N, C-alpha and C. Protein backbone atom coordinates (compact mmCIF):
# COMPACT_ATOMS: atom_id res chain seq x y z
N UNK A 1 0.83 -1.19 0.00
CA UNK A 1 0.00 0.00 0.00
C UNK A 1 0.88 1.25 0.00
N UNK A 2 0.37 2.27 -0.64
CA UNK A 2 1.04 3.56 -0.59
C UNK A 2 0.78 4.17 0.79
N UNK A 3 1.54 5.20 1.17
CA UNK A 3 1.27 5.84 2.46
C UNK A 3 -0.16 6.37 2.58
N UNK A 4 -0.69 6.95 1.51
CA UNK A 4 -2.07 7.46 1.54
C UNK A 4 -3.06 6.31 1.71
N UNK A 5 -2.82 5.20 1.01
CA UNK A 5 -3.71 4.04 1.15
C UNK A 5 -3.66 3.48 2.56
N UNK A 6 -2.50 3.50 3.19
CA UNK A 6 -2.38 3.01 4.57
C UNK A 6 -3.17 3.89 5.53
N UNK A 7 -3.11 5.18 5.34
CA UNK A 7 -3.90 6.10 6.17
C UNK A 7 -5.39 5.84 5.94
N UNK A 8 -5.76 5.71 4.66
CA UNK A 8 -7.17 5.46 4.33
C UNK A 8 -7.64 4.14 4.95
N UNK A 9 -6.82 3.12 4.89
CA UNK A 9 -7.17 1.82 5.46
C UNK A 9 -7.48 1.96 6.95
N UNK A 10 -6.72 2.79 7.64
CA UNK A 10 -6.97 3.02 9.06
C UNK A 10 -8.33 3.68 9.31
N UNK A 11 -8.83 4.41 8.32
CA UNK A 11 -10.13 5.06 8.43
C UNK A 11 -11.26 4.03 8.30
N UNK A 12 -11.06 3.01 7.45
CA UNK A 12 -12.17 2.12 7.11
C UNK A 12 -12.07 0.71 7.68
N UNK A 13 -10.92 0.32 8.19
CA UNK A 13 -10.76 -1.07 8.64
C UNK A 13 -11.67 -1.36 9.84
N UNK A 14 -11.89 -2.63 10.07
CA UNK A 14 -12.69 -3.10 11.22
C UNK A 14 -14.11 -2.53 11.24
N UNK A 15 -14.71 -2.39 10.06
CA UNK A 15 -16.11 -1.96 9.94
C UNK A 15 -16.39 -0.61 10.61
N UNK A 16 -15.42 0.28 10.63
CA UNK A 16 -15.60 1.58 11.29
C UNK A 16 -16.74 2.39 10.70
N UNK A 17 -17.06 2.16 9.43
CA UNK A 17 -18.15 2.90 8.78
C UNK A 17 -19.42 2.06 8.70
N UNK A 18 -19.42 0.92 9.38
CA UNK A 18 -20.60 0.07 9.40
C UNK A 18 -20.65 -0.95 8.28
N UNK A 19 -19.62 -1.01 7.47
CA UNK A 19 -19.54 -1.99 6.38
C UNK A 19 -18.10 -2.47 6.26
N UNK A 20 -17.93 -3.62 5.62
CA UNK A 20 -16.61 -4.22 5.46
C UNK A 20 -16.02 -3.84 4.11
N UNK A 21 -14.77 -3.43 4.14
CA UNK A 21 -14.02 -3.15 2.92
C UNK A 21 -12.89 -4.16 2.76
N UNK A 22 -12.57 -4.46 1.51
CA UNK A 22 -11.41 -5.29 1.18
C UNK A 22 -10.39 -4.40 0.50
N UNK A 23 -9.12 -4.77 0.65
CA UNK A 23 -8.04 -4.05 -0.04
C UNK A 23 -7.67 -4.82 -1.30
N UNK A 24 -7.26 -4.08 -2.32
CA UNK A 24 -6.72 -4.67 -3.55
C UNK A 24 -7.61 -5.81 -4.06
N UNK A 25 -8.86 -5.48 -4.37
CA UNK A 25 -9.84 -6.47 -4.79
C UNK A 25 -9.94 -6.50 -6.32
N UNK A 26 -9.79 -7.68 -6.90
CA UNK A 26 -9.88 -7.83 -8.36
C UNK A 26 -11.32 -7.75 -8.83
N UNK A 27 -11.52 -6.94 -9.87
CA UNK A 27 -12.82 -6.83 -10.54
C UNK A 27 -12.51 -6.85 -12.03
N UNK A 28 -12.86 -7.92 -12.69
CA UNK A 28 -12.51 -8.05 -14.11
C UNK A 28 -11.01 -7.99 -14.27
N UNK A 29 -10.55 -7.13 -15.17
CA UNK A 29 -9.12 -6.97 -15.41
C UNK A 29 -8.49 -5.90 -14.52
N UNK A 30 -9.26 -5.38 -13.59
CA UNK A 30 -8.79 -4.28 -12.76
C UNK A 30 -8.65 -4.72 -11.31
N UNK A 31 -7.87 -3.97 -10.57
CA UNK A 31 -7.75 -4.17 -9.13
C UNK A 31 -8.18 -2.86 -8.46
N UNK A 32 -9.27 -2.94 -7.69
CA UNK A 32 -9.75 -1.78 -6.95
C UNK A 32 -8.90 -1.59 -5.71
N UNK A 33 -8.59 -0.35 -5.38
CA UNK A 33 -7.83 -0.09 -4.17
C UNK A 33 -8.58 -0.63 -2.95
N UNK A 34 -9.88 -0.29 -2.87
CA UNK A 34 -10.73 -0.76 -1.77
C UNK A 34 -12.11 -1.07 -2.33
N UNK A 35 -12.75 -2.10 -1.78
CA UNK A 35 -14.05 -2.53 -2.30
C UNK A 35 -14.95 -2.99 -1.17
N UNK A 36 -16.20 -2.53 -1.20
CA UNK A 36 -17.23 -2.98 -0.27
C UNK A 36 -18.26 -3.75 -1.09
N UNK A 37 -18.26 -5.07 -0.95
CA UNK A 37 -19.16 -5.92 -1.74
C UNK A 37 -20.62 -5.66 -1.38
N UNK A 38 -20.89 -5.46 -0.10
CA UNK A 38 -22.27 -5.26 0.36
C UNK A 38 -22.93 -4.08 -0.35
N UNK A 39 -22.17 -3.04 -0.60
CA UNK A 39 -22.71 -1.83 -1.23
C UNK A 39 -22.33 -1.68 -2.69
N UNK A 40 -21.51 -2.60 -3.20
CA UNK A 40 -20.98 -2.49 -4.56
C UNK A 40 -20.27 -1.15 -4.74
N UNK A 41 -19.41 -0.85 -3.77
CA UNK A 41 -18.71 0.43 -3.72
C UNK A 41 -17.21 0.23 -3.89
N UNK A 42 -16.66 0.93 -4.85
CA UNK A 42 -15.23 0.93 -5.11
C UNK A 42 -14.67 2.27 -4.66
N UNK A 43 -13.58 2.24 -3.91
CA UNK A 43 -12.90 3.47 -3.52
C UNK A 43 -11.50 3.43 -4.09
N UNK A 44 -11.17 4.48 -4.83
CA UNK A 44 -9.84 4.61 -5.42
C UNK A 44 -9.11 5.75 -4.74
N UNK A 45 -7.86 5.52 -4.41
CA UNK A 45 -6.99 6.54 -3.82
C UNK A 45 -5.96 6.88 -4.88
N UNK A 46 -6.04 8.11 -5.38
CA UNK A 46 -5.24 8.51 -6.53
C UNK A 46 -4.06 9.38 -6.16
N UNK A 47 -2.89 9.00 -6.66
CA UNK A 47 -1.68 9.80 -6.50
C UNK A 47 -1.51 10.75 -7.66
N UNK A 48 -0.40 11.44 -7.68
CA UNK A 48 -0.12 12.44 -8.70
C UNK A 48 -0.12 11.91 -10.11
N UNK A 49 0.23 10.63 -10.28
CA UNK A 49 0.27 10.08 -11.64
C UNK A 49 -1.10 10.08 -12.31
N UNK A 50 -2.16 10.19 -11.55
CA UNK A 50 -3.50 10.19 -12.11
C UNK A 50 -3.87 11.54 -12.73
N UNK A 51 -2.99 12.54 -12.59
CA UNK A 51 -3.20 13.85 -13.19
C UNK A 51 -2.80 13.86 -14.66
N UNK A 52 -1.98 12.92 -15.07
CA UNK A 52 -1.52 12.79 -16.45
C UNK A 52 -2.73 12.51 -17.35
N UNK A 53 -2.77 13.11 -18.52
CA UNK A 53 -3.92 12.99 -19.42
C UNK A 53 -4.20 11.53 -19.80
N UNK A 54 -3.16 10.76 -20.05
CA UNK A 54 -3.36 9.35 -20.42
C UNK A 54 -3.94 8.57 -19.24
N UNK A 55 -3.41 8.81 -18.06
CA UNK A 55 -3.94 8.12 -16.89
C UNK A 55 -5.37 8.56 -16.58
N UNK A 56 -5.68 9.84 -16.81
CA UNK A 56 -7.06 10.30 -16.61
C UNK A 56 -8.00 9.56 -17.55
N UNK A 57 -7.58 9.41 -18.80
CA UNK A 57 -8.42 8.70 -19.78
C UNK A 57 -8.59 7.24 -19.36
N UNK A 58 -7.52 6.61 -18.91
CA UNK A 58 -7.62 5.23 -18.45
C UNK A 58 -8.53 5.12 -17.23
N UNK A 59 -8.43 6.07 -16.32
CA UNK A 59 -9.31 6.08 -15.14
C UNK A 59 -10.77 6.21 -15.55
N UNK A 60 -11.04 7.07 -16.54
CA UNK A 60 -12.42 7.25 -17.02
C UNK A 60 -12.95 5.96 -17.63
N UNK A 61 -12.16 5.29 -18.45
CA UNK A 61 -12.60 4.02 -19.05
C UNK A 61 -12.84 2.97 -17.97
N UNK A 62 -11.94 2.92 -17.03
CA UNK A 62 -12.07 1.97 -15.93
C UNK A 62 -13.33 2.25 -15.12
N UNK A 63 -13.58 3.53 -14.82
CA UNK A 63 -14.77 3.89 -14.06
C UNK A 63 -16.04 3.58 -14.84
N UNK A 64 -16.04 3.85 -16.14
CA UNK A 64 -17.19 3.49 -16.98
C UNK A 64 -17.47 2.00 -16.91
N UNK A 65 -16.43 1.20 -17.02
CA UNK A 65 -16.55 -0.26 -16.93
C UNK A 65 -17.16 -0.67 -15.59
N UNK A 66 -16.63 -0.12 -14.52
CA UNK A 66 -17.13 -0.47 -13.18
C UNK A 66 -18.58 -0.03 -13.01
N UNK A 67 -18.93 1.14 -13.55
CA UNK A 67 -20.32 1.60 -13.48
C UNK A 67 -21.24 0.68 -14.27
N UNK A 68 -20.77 0.18 -15.42
CA UNK A 68 -21.57 -0.76 -16.21
C UNK A 68 -21.85 -2.04 -15.43
N UNK A 69 -20.97 -2.39 -14.51
CA UNK A 69 -21.17 -3.57 -13.66
C UNK A 69 -22.09 -3.26 -12.48
N UNK A 70 -22.58 -2.02 -12.41
CA UNK A 70 -23.47 -1.63 -11.32
C UNK A 70 -22.74 -1.19 -10.06
N UNK A 71 -21.46 -0.85 -10.21
CA UNK A 71 -20.66 -0.43 -9.06
C UNK A 71 -20.60 1.09 -8.99
N UNK A 72 -20.52 1.59 -7.79
CA UNK A 72 -20.32 3.02 -7.55
C UNK A 72 -18.84 3.23 -7.26
N UNK A 73 -18.26 4.27 -7.84
CA UNK A 73 -16.84 4.56 -7.65
C UNK A 73 -16.70 5.92 -6.97
N UNK A 74 -15.93 5.94 -5.90
CA UNK A 74 -15.59 7.17 -5.20
C UNK A 74 -14.07 7.31 -5.24
N UNK A 75 -13.61 8.52 -5.52
CA UNK A 75 -12.18 8.76 -5.62
C UNK A 75 -11.74 9.82 -4.62
N UNK A 76 -10.56 9.58 -4.05
CA UNK A 76 -9.93 10.57 -3.19
C UNK A 76 -8.49 10.73 -3.66
N UNK A 77 -8.02 11.96 -3.65
CA UNK A 77 -6.62 12.22 -3.96
C UNK A 77 -5.78 11.99 -2.72
N UNK A 78 -4.55 11.56 -2.92
CA UNK A 78 -3.62 11.39 -1.80
C UNK A 78 -3.61 12.65 -0.93
N UNK A 79 -3.53 13.81 -1.57
CA UNK A 79 -3.44 15.07 -0.84
C UNK A 79 -4.65 15.29 0.06
N UNK A 80 -5.83 14.89 -0.39
CA UNK A 80 -7.02 15.02 0.44
C UNK A 80 -6.88 14.19 1.72
N UNK A 81 -6.35 13.00 1.56
CA UNK A 81 -6.19 12.10 2.70
C UNK A 81 -5.14 12.64 3.65
N UNK A 82 -4.03 13.14 3.12
CA UNK A 82 -2.97 13.69 3.97
C UNK A 82 -3.44 14.93 4.73
N UNK A 83 -4.22 15.78 4.05
CA UNK A 83 -4.57 17.07 4.62
C UNK A 83 -5.82 17.05 5.49
N UNK A 84 -6.75 16.11 5.23
CA UNK A 84 -8.01 16.15 5.96
C UNK A 84 -8.65 14.77 6.06
N UNK A 85 -8.06 13.93 6.89
CA UNK A 85 -8.61 12.58 7.08
C UNK A 85 -10.06 12.63 7.52
N UNK A 86 -10.37 13.55 8.42
CA UNK A 86 -11.74 13.62 8.96
C UNK A 86 -12.75 13.96 7.87
N UNK A 87 -12.41 14.90 6.99
CA UNK A 87 -13.31 15.25 5.90
C UNK A 87 -13.50 14.08 4.94
N UNK A 88 -12.41 13.37 4.66
CA UNK A 88 -12.48 12.18 3.80
C UNK A 88 -13.40 11.14 4.45
N UNK A 89 -13.22 10.93 5.73
CA UNK A 89 -14.06 9.95 6.44
C UNK A 89 -15.53 10.37 6.39
N UNK A 90 -15.82 11.64 6.62
CA UNK A 90 -17.19 12.14 6.57
C UNK A 90 -17.80 11.98 5.18
N UNK A 91 -17.01 12.31 4.16
CA UNK A 91 -17.51 12.18 2.78
C UNK A 91 -17.80 10.72 2.44
N UNK A 92 -16.90 9.84 2.83
CA UNK A 92 -17.11 8.42 2.57
C UNK A 92 -18.30 7.90 3.37
N UNK A 93 -18.44 8.33 4.62
CA UNK A 93 -19.59 7.90 5.43
C UNK A 93 -20.88 8.34 4.75
N UNK A 94 -20.90 9.53 4.18
CA UNK A 94 -22.07 10.01 3.45
C UNK A 94 -22.41 9.11 2.27
N UNK A 95 -21.39 8.70 1.52
CA UNK A 95 -21.60 7.81 0.37
C UNK A 95 -22.11 6.45 0.84
N UNK A 96 -21.53 5.94 1.93
CA UNK A 96 -21.96 4.65 2.49
C UNK A 96 -23.41 4.73 2.93
N UNK A 97 -23.77 5.79 3.66
CA UNK A 97 -25.14 5.94 4.14
C UNK A 97 -26.13 6.05 2.99
N UNK A 98 -25.76 6.80 1.96
CA UNK A 98 -26.63 6.96 0.79
C UNK A 98 -26.86 5.61 0.09
N UNK A 99 -25.79 4.84 -0.09
CA UNK A 99 -25.94 3.53 -0.73
C UNK A 99 -26.75 2.58 0.14
N UNK A 100 -26.56 2.63 1.45
CA UNK A 100 -27.36 1.79 2.36
C UNK A 100 -28.84 2.12 2.21
N UNK A 101 -29.16 3.41 2.14
CA UNK A 101 -30.55 3.83 1.97
C UNK A 101 -31.12 3.36 0.64
N UNK A 102 -30.34 3.48 -0.43
CA UNK A 102 -30.79 3.03 -1.75
C UNK A 102 -31.06 1.54 -1.77
N UNK A 103 -30.26 0.79 -1.01
CA UNK A 103 -30.40 -0.67 -0.98
C UNK A 103 -31.28 -1.16 0.17
N UNK A 104 -31.86 -0.21 0.92
CA UNK A 104 -32.71 -0.54 2.06
C UNK A 104 -32.00 -1.41 3.07
N UNK A 105 -30.78 -1.07 3.41
CA UNK A 105 -30.00 -1.84 4.40
C UNK A 105 -30.01 -1.15 5.74
């Protein structure tokens, strides 16, 4: 894991948000940074390399593919995690709660 992914893992491990996440979960030809099967939620933690135009295009294709599978994708930049763990946690909790409501969980 990258340093940002390790910090993020500390935010979500042990069902802290009320759901279980897996690290480095394979989906088709891709590996999601974090995945919650119960909610069909993929969380990607993006470093600076994702700012490159080619990587942005690849990320868009990947996200389109995951959406076609019925998955929701949430992205956080490394800098967001380094600078405001609490805000990242709140934003992710909001996404988790919204998906739980949609799925009547």
